[in-house]
Amino acid sequence: MNILLIVLMGALATNQPAAVTNSPGRKADLSTKVVDADDPIEKELQKLMGQDDEAQAEVDKWIRENQEFAAQGAGVPNAELNRRILKRFEPVRKAYEDFIARHPRHASARVAYASFLGDIGEEDGSMAQLEKARELDPKDPAIWNNLANYHGHNGLVNKAFDYYAKAIELNPKEPVYYHNFGTTVFLFRKDAMEHYEINEQQVFDKALELYAQAMKLDPTDFPLATDVARTYYGIKPPRTDDALRSWTNALSLAHDEIEREGVYVHFARIKTHSGRFAEAHAHLNAITNGMYADLKKTLTRSLKEKEAEAKAGGTNAPPAKVD
């Protein structure tokens, strides 16, 4: 899902519970059905999906550039950027509609069109295409995953739980399904408690088990690893050692210094709150990229306050385990 575009157009669902740390965005999945690459209809669809990707990439570039210009006082108003975006996507929309009009029973085309509609914020239209695709091909796990995404965003959380489970039943080797399922369980804890008749600690365990399965299937996925680690911020009582192990795993998967320093931010935050002040200082000292400057300043202030509290209390706050 193109989160930048969704945010810009004001269409991001807001029905997730407050004070959560994981992103409410779930990953869409296109049809997993094996097709004949020499089939002219499939070739046409692949060409159309390529046009879709090109439009998405160009719009992403516009948004990034406009954000940079806006920071310098030279960006165009959002209303004007929206107009340009919609104009850029209009021929792609028409191409999808024309293809589906000529091939109304092509489930994969409807899945692709649904993904396109979701990316431009037309979630109801996206859902209608997915429901038709499910009617045409109920054994395609991607359709169940994407419908679960829709229901997770739009309030029918019990359906989301059941649909993710169905996607996994149909394809138990796709990590995206476990990742999405785990995020939804974690975000909607009360719903999960009622749906599965379990307590909150068991909900946390269920979400972590789903994430663990996703990591087992895709052990090098850095965004997934950071989602797993962020989950620990919402778990009460804290599981500090588990959180640190998760961030250590994420650090090992980081692709560049920016990602590594982002992990150091989390190390510093967790170790500040667990009384491991010297280690927190070391992590903050390792953060040198300007993009983290404000956050580093905030964390440094928090660390000094915690140190002062510990000193006033007559203790050096040893790194006791919180588990």
Protein backbone atom coordinates (compact mmCIF):
# COMPACT_ATOMS: atom_id res chain seq x y z
CA MET A 1 0.00 0.00 0.00
CA ASN A 2 1.27 3.46 -0.94
CA ILE A 3 1.09 5.04 2.53
CA LEU A 4 2.41 8.44 1.43
CA LEU A 5 -0.34 8.74 -1.13
CA ILE A 6 -3.04 7.51 1.21
CA VAL A 7 -2.02 10.04 3.86
CA LEU A 8 -1.88 12.85 1.33
CA MET A 9 -5.38 12.14 0.08
CA GLY A 10 -6.84 11.85 3.56
CA ALA A 11 -8.05 8.31 3.08
CA LEU A 12 -6.06 6.38 5.68
CA ALA A 13 -8.36 4.46 7.98
CA THR A 14 -8.27 5.68 11.57
CA ASN A 15 -10.19 2.99 13.41
CA GLN A 16 -7.16 1.40 15.03
CA PRO A 17 -6.93 1.63 18.82
CA ALA A 18 -5.05 4.53 20.36
CA ALA A 19 -1.49 4.39 21.67
CA VAL A 20 -0.21 1.63 19.46
CA THR A 21 3.23 1.50 17.92
CA ASN A 22 2.88 -0.69 14.87
CA SER A 23 1.75 0.77 11.57
CA PRO A 24 -1.88 0.04 10.70
CA GLY A 25 -0.88 -0.51 7.11
CA ARG A 26 -1.02 -4.12 5.84
CA LYS A 27 0.69 -5.46 2.78
CA ALA A 28 -1.52 -6.20 -0.18
CA ASP A 29 -0.76 -9.23 -2.30
CA LEU A 30 -1.47 -9.83 -5.95
CA SER A 31 -2.85 -13.09 -7.23
CA THR A 32 -0.63 -16.13 -6.72
CA LYS A 33 -2.27 -18.04 -9.55
CA VAL A 34 0.18 -19.55 -12.06
CA VAL A 35 -0.55 -18.23 -15.54
CA ASP A 36 0.58 -18.93 -19.07
CA ALA A 37 3.14 -16.26 -19.87
CA ASP A 38 2.47 -16.69 -23.59
CA ASP A 39 -1.26 -16.09 -23.25
CA PRO A 40 -2.02 -12.76 -25.03
CA ILE A 41 -4.59 -11.83 -22.37
CA GLU A 42 -2.03 -12.39 -19.61
CA LYS A 43 0.54 -10.39 -21.57
CA GLU A 44 -1.92 -7.53 -21.83
CA LEU A 45 -2.60 -7.65 -18.10
CA GLN A 46 1.11 -7.70 -17.26
CA LYS A 47 1.65 -4.67 -19.48
CA LEU A 48 -1.21 -2.89 -17.73
CA MET A 49 0.21 -3.71 -14.31
CA GLY A 50 3.56 -2.35 -15.50
CA GLN A 51 1.84 0.92 -16.41
CA ASP A 52 0.29 0.94 -12.95
CA ASP A 53 3.73 0.49 -11.35
CA GLU A 54 5.20 3.29 -13.48
CA ALA A 55 2.41 5.67 -12.47
CA GLN A 56 2.87 4.74 -8.79
CA ALA A 57 6.62 5.34 -9.00
CA GLU A 58 6.16 8.70 -10.69
CA VAL A 59 3.60 9.82 -8.11
CA ASP A 60 5.86 8.70 -5.26
CA LYS A 61 8.61 10.84 -6.78
CA TRP A 62 6.28 13.85 -6.99
CA ILE A 63 5.30 13.47 -3.34
CA ARG A 64 8.89 13.16 -2.13
CA GLU A 65 10.02 16.13 -4.21
CA ASN A 66 7.10 18.26 -3.07
CA GLN A 67 7.88 17.47 0.56
CA GLU A 68 11.46 18.59 -0.03
CA PHE A 69 10.33 21.77 -1.78
CA ALA A 70 7.76 22.47 0.93
CA ALA A 71 10.51 22.29 3.56
CA GLN A 72 12.15 25.14 1.64
CA GLY A 73 8.90 27.07 1.31
CA ALA A 74 8.43 26.23 -2.38
CA GLY A 75 6.07 23.25 -2.50
CA VAL A 76 2.76 23.28 -4.38
CA PRO A 77 -0.49 23.13 -2.32
CA ASN A 78 -1.82 19.67 -1.56
CA ALA A 79 -4.97 20.36 -3.57
CA GLU A 80 -2.90 21.02 -6.68
CA LEU A 81 -0.74 17.96 -6.09
CA ASN A 82 -3.87 15.86 -5.63
CA ARG A 83 -5.21 17.12 -8.95
CA ARG A 84 -1.98 16.14 -10.71
CA ILE A 85 -1.99 12.73 -9.03
CA LEU A 86 -5.56 11.94 -10.02
CA LYS A 87 -4.90 13.08 -13.59
CA ARG A 88 -1.82 10.83 -13.76
CA PHE A 89 -3.80 7.83 -12.54
CA GLU A 90 -6.86 8.39 -14.72
CA PRO A 91 -5.54 6.54 -17.83
CA VAL A 92 -4.52 3.60 -15.63
CA ARG A 93 -8.01 3.46 -14.14
CA LYS A 94 -9.60 3.55 -17.60
CA ALA A 95 -7.26 0.81 -18.81
CA TYR A 96 -8.24 -1.46 -15.90
CA GLU A 97 -11.94 -0.77 -16.46
CA ASP A 98 -11.62 -1.49 -20.17
CA PHE A 99 -9.72 -4.75 -19.52
CA ILE A 100 -12.32 -5.95 -16.98
CA ALA A 101 -15.19 -5.00 -19.29
CA ARG A 102 -13.67 -7.27 -21.94
CA HIS A 103 -12.62 -10.01 -19.49
CA PRO A 104 -15.15 -9.83 -16.62
CA ARG A 105 -14.26 -13.29 -15.25
CA HIS A 106 -10.53 -12.58 -14.95
CA ALA A 107 -10.03 -12.74 -11.17
CA SER A 108 -6.37 -11.67 -11.21
CA ALA A 109 -7.23 -8.49 -13.10
CA ARG A 110 -9.79 -7.63 -10.44
CA VAL A 111 -7.19 -8.22 -7.70
CA ALA A 112 -4.76 -5.90 -9.47
CA TYR A 113 -7.44 -3.25 -10.00
CA ALA A 114 -8.47 -3.56 -6.36
CA SER A 115 -4.87 -2.90 -5.30
CA PHE A 116 -4.78 0.16 -7.55
CA LEU A 117 -8.03 1.50 -6.08
CA GLY A 118 -6.78 0.91 -2.57
CA ASP A 119 -3.61 2.85 -3.32
CA ILE A 120 -5.61 5.91 -4.38
CA GLY A 121 -7.86 5.72 -1.34
CA GLU A 122 -10.98 4.21 -2.93
CA GLU A 123 -11.28 1.35 -0.47
CA ASP A 124 -14.97 0.62 -1.05
CA GLY A 125 -14.34 0.22 -4.77
CA SER A 126 -11.34 -1.95 -3.96
CA MET A 127 -13.44 -4.19 -1.73
CA ALA A 128 -16.11 -4.59 -4.43
CA GLN A 129 -13.48 -5.82 -6.89
CA LEU A 130 -12.04 -8.21 -4.30
CA GLU A 131 -15.45 -9.65 -3.49
CA LYS A 132 -16.04 -10.31 -7.18
CA ALA A 133 -12.57 -11.86 -7.46
CA ARG A 134 -13.33 -14.14 -4.51
CA GLU A 135 -16.55 -15.23 -6.19
CA LEU A 136 -14.56 -16.07 -9.35
CA ASP A 137 -11.59 -17.74 -7.64
CA PRO A 138 -12.22 -18.60 -3.97
CA LYS A 139 -9.00 -20.63 -3.72
CA ASP A 140 -6.66 -17.68 -4.37
CA PRO A 141 -5.11 -16.82 -0.96
CA ALA A 142 -4.12 -13.32 -2.10
CA ILE A 143 -7.79 -12.39 -2.37
CA TRP A 144 -8.49 -13.49 1.20
CA ASN A 145 -5.43 -11.57 2.47
CA ASN A 146 -6.47 -8.38 0.72
CA LEU A 147 -10.07 -8.66 1.91
CA ALA A 148 -8.71 -9.14 5.44
CA ASN A 149 -6.69 -5.95 5.00
CA TYR A 150 -9.86 -4.10 4.03
CA HIS A 151 -11.87 -5.37 6.98
CA GLY A 152 -9.03 -4.66 9.39
CA HIS A 153 -9.06 -1.04 8.26
CA ASN A 154 -12.81 -0.69 8.24
CA GLY A 155 -13.96 -2.20 11.48
CA LEU A 156 -15.03 -5.79 10.77
CA VAL A 157 -12.03 -7.13 12.65
CA ASN A 158 -13.45 -10.61 13.26
CA LYS A 159 -13.71 -11.05 9.50
CA ALA A 160 -10.12 -9.92 9.16
CA PHE A 161 -8.96 -12.58 11.64
CA ASP A 162 -10.88 -15.30 9.79
CA TYR A 163 -9.79 -14.16 6.34
CA TYR A 164 -6.09 -14.06 7.24
CA ALA A 165 -6.46 -17.56 8.64
CA LYS A 166 -8.07 -18.64 5.35
CA ALA A 167 -5.23 -17.11 3.33
CA ILE A 168 -2.71 -19.03 5.45
CA GLU A 169 -4.72 -22.24 5.06
CA LEU A 170 -4.55 -21.84 1.28
CA ASN A 171 -0.87 -20.86 1.23
CA PRO A 172 0.98 -21.51 4.51
CA LYS A 173 4.34 -20.49 3.05
CA GLU A 174 3.61 -16.80 2.40
CA PRO A 175 5.20 -14.61 5.13
CA VAL A 176 3.08 -11.55 4.28
CA TYR A 177 -0.06 -13.29 5.55
CA TYR A 178 1.46 -14.08 8.94
CA HIS A 179 2.89 -10.55 9.17
CA ASN A 180 -0.47 -8.93 8.44
CA PHE A 181 -2.31 -11.32 10.74
CA GLY A 182 0.12 -10.66 13.59
CA THR A 183 -0.19 -6.89 13.22
CA THR A 184 -3.98 -7.07 13.25
CA VAL A 185 -4.08 -9.30 16.33
CA PHE A 186 -1.73 -6.94 18.14
CA LEU A 187 -3.53 -3.74 17.16
CA PHE A 188 -7.01 -5.04 17.96
CA ARG A 189 -6.26 -6.77 21.21
CA LYS A 190 -9.73 -6.51 22.74
CA ASP A 191 -11.31 -7.94 19.60
CA ALA A 192 -8.75 -10.76 19.58
CA MET A 193 -9.43 -11.54 23.23
CA GLU A 194 -13.14 -11.91 22.50
CA HIS A 195 -12.73 -13.70 19.18
CA TYR A 196 -10.29 -16.32 20.46
CA GLU A 197 -11.50 -16.33 24.09
CA ILE A 198 -8.01 -15.65 25.46
CA ASN A 199 -6.50 -13.09 27.82
CA GLU A 200 -4.31 -10.13 26.86
CA GLN A 201 -0.99 -11.88 27.55
CA GLN A 202 -2.13 -14.74 25.30
CA VAL A 203 -3.01 -12.18 22.61
CA PHE A 204 0.54 -10.82 22.80
CA ASP A 205 1.86 -14.38 22.52
CA LYS A 206 -0.38 -15.11 19.53
CA ALA A 207 0.79 -11.99 17.70
CA LEU A 208 4.42 -12.83 18.42
CA GLU A 209 3.93 -16.42 17.25
CA LEU A 210 2.52 -15.15 13.95
CA TYR A 211 5.44 -12.75 13.58
CA ALA A 212 7.86 -15.56 14.39
CA GLN A 213 6.38 -17.68 11.62
CA ALA A 214 6.72 -14.78 9.20
CA MET A 215 10.37 -14.33 10.22
CA LYS A 216 10.99 -18.05 9.79
CA LEU A 217 9.73 -17.84 6.22
CA ASP A 218 11.54 -14.56 5.45
CA PRO A 219 14.41 -14.22 7.94
CA THR A 220 16.09 -11.31 6.14
CA ASP A 221 13.11 -8.91 6.09
CA PHE A 222 14.26 -5.80 7.99
CA PRO A 223 10.84 -4.03 8.06
CA LEU A 224 9.28 -7.21 9.42
CA ALA A 225 11.99 -7.53 12.06
CA THR A 226 11.40 -3.94 13.19
CA ASP A 227 7.64 -4.54 13.36
CA VAL A 228 8.29 -7.51 15.64
CA ALA A 229 10.58 -5.43 17.86
CA ARG A 230 8.18 -2.46 18.03
CA THR A 231 5.46 -4.77 19.30
CA TYR A 232 7.22 -4.97 22.66
CA TYR A 233 6.48 -1.30 23.36
CA GLY A 234 2.81 -2.20 23.70
CA ILE A 235 3.29 -5.27 25.91
CA LYS A 236 2.60 -4.82 29.61
CA PRO A 237 4.35 -5.76 31.81
CA PRO A 238 7.46 -5.10 29.71
CA ARG A 239 9.45 -7.98 28.27
CA THR A 240 12.69 -6.02 28.12
CA ASP A 241 15.13 -8.82 27.36
CA ASP A 242 12.91 -10.15 24.56
CA ALA A 243 12.62 -6.65 23.14
CA LEU A 244 16.38 -6.18 23.12
CA ARG A 245 16.87 -9.54 21.42
CA SER A 246 14.39 -8.51 18.74
CA TRP A 247 16.14 -5.19 18.14
CA THR A 248 19.48 -7.00 18.02
CA ASN A 249 18.06 -9.22 15.29
CA ALA A 250 16.79 -6.15 13.42
CA LEU A 251 20.23 -4.56 13.70
CA SER A 252 21.81 -7.61 12.07
CA LEU A 253 19.45 -7.19 9.10
CA ALA A 254 19.89 -3.43 8.61
CA HIS A 255 20.97 -2.49 5.09
CA ASP A 256 22.76 0.80 5.77
CA GLU A 257 23.87 3.20 8.47
CA ILE A 258 20.54 5.04 8.52
CA GLU A 259 18.70 1.85 9.39
CA ARG A 260 21.37 0.89 11.93
CA GLU A 261 21.15 4.26 13.67
CA GLY A 262 17.38 3.92 13.72
CA VAL A 263 17.85 0.73 15.73
CA TYR A 264 20.28 2.52 18.07
CA VAL A 265 17.44 4.94 18.85
CA HIS A 266 15.36 2.05 20.13
CA PHE A 267 18.24 0.55 22.07
CA ALA A 268 18.78 3.92 23.79
CA ARG A 269 15.09 4.29 24.65
CA ILE A 270 14.73 0.79 26.09
CA LYS A 271 17.97 0.89 28.06
CA THR A 272 17.15 4.32 29.47
CA HIS A 273 13.90 3.00 30.90
CA SER A 274 15.54 -0.18 32.23
CA GLY A 275 18.29 1.72 34.04
CA ARG A 276 21.16 0.74 31.78
CA PHE A 277 22.34 4.32 31.50
CA ALA A 278 25.95 3.82 30.33
CA GLU A 279 24.77 1.61 27.47
CA ALA A 280 22.08 4.13 26.56
CA HIS A 281 24.71 6.87 26.35
CA ALA A 282 26.84 4.68 24.09
CA HIS A 283 23.95 4.09 21.72
CA LEU A 284 23.11 7.80 21.59
CA ASN A 285 26.76 8.64 20.87
CA ALA A 286 26.63 6.26 17.90
CA ILE A 287 23.77 8.26 16.34
CA THR A 288 25.33 10.87 14.04
CA ASN A 289 22.87 11.26 11.15
CA GLY A 290 21.12 14.63 11.13
CA MET A 291 17.73 13.07 10.46
CA TYR A 292 17.77 11.74 14.03
CA ALA A 293 19.02 14.97 15.63
CA ASP A 294 15.74 16.05 17.26
CA LEU A 295 14.96 12.56 18.47
CA LYS A 296 18.48 12.18 19.83
CA LYS A 297 18.10 15.45 21.73
CA THR A 298 14.80 14.30 23.25
CA LEU A 299 16.23 10.93 24.26
CA THR A 300 19.33 12.54 25.74
CA ARG A 301 17.17 14.81 27.88
CA SER A 302 15.09 11.85 29.01
CA LEU A 303 18.23 9.89 29.86
CA LYS A 304 19.60 12.72 31.99
CA GLU A 305 16.29 13.00 33.83
CA LYS A 306 16.27 9.27 34.56
CA GLU A 307 19.86 9.42 35.78
CA ALA A 308 19.01 12.34 38.08
CA GLU A 309 16.00 10.45 39.47
CA ALA A 310 18.13 7.40 40.12
CA LYS A 311 20.81 9.48 41.83
CA ALA A 312 18.23 11.26 43.98
CA GLY A 313 16.85 7.89 44.97
CA GLY A 314 20.27 6.76 46.14
CA THR A 315 20.74 4.09 43.51
CA ASN A 316 22.59 3.65 40.27
CA ALA A 317 19.59 1.76 38.90
CA PRO A 318 21.31 -1.53 37.99
CA PRO A 319 20.13 -3.21 34.82
CA ALA A 320 17.60 -5.47 36.49
CA LYS A 321 15.60 -7.77 34.28
CA VAL A 322 12.03 -6.62 33.80
CA ASP A 323 10.62 -9.90 32.49
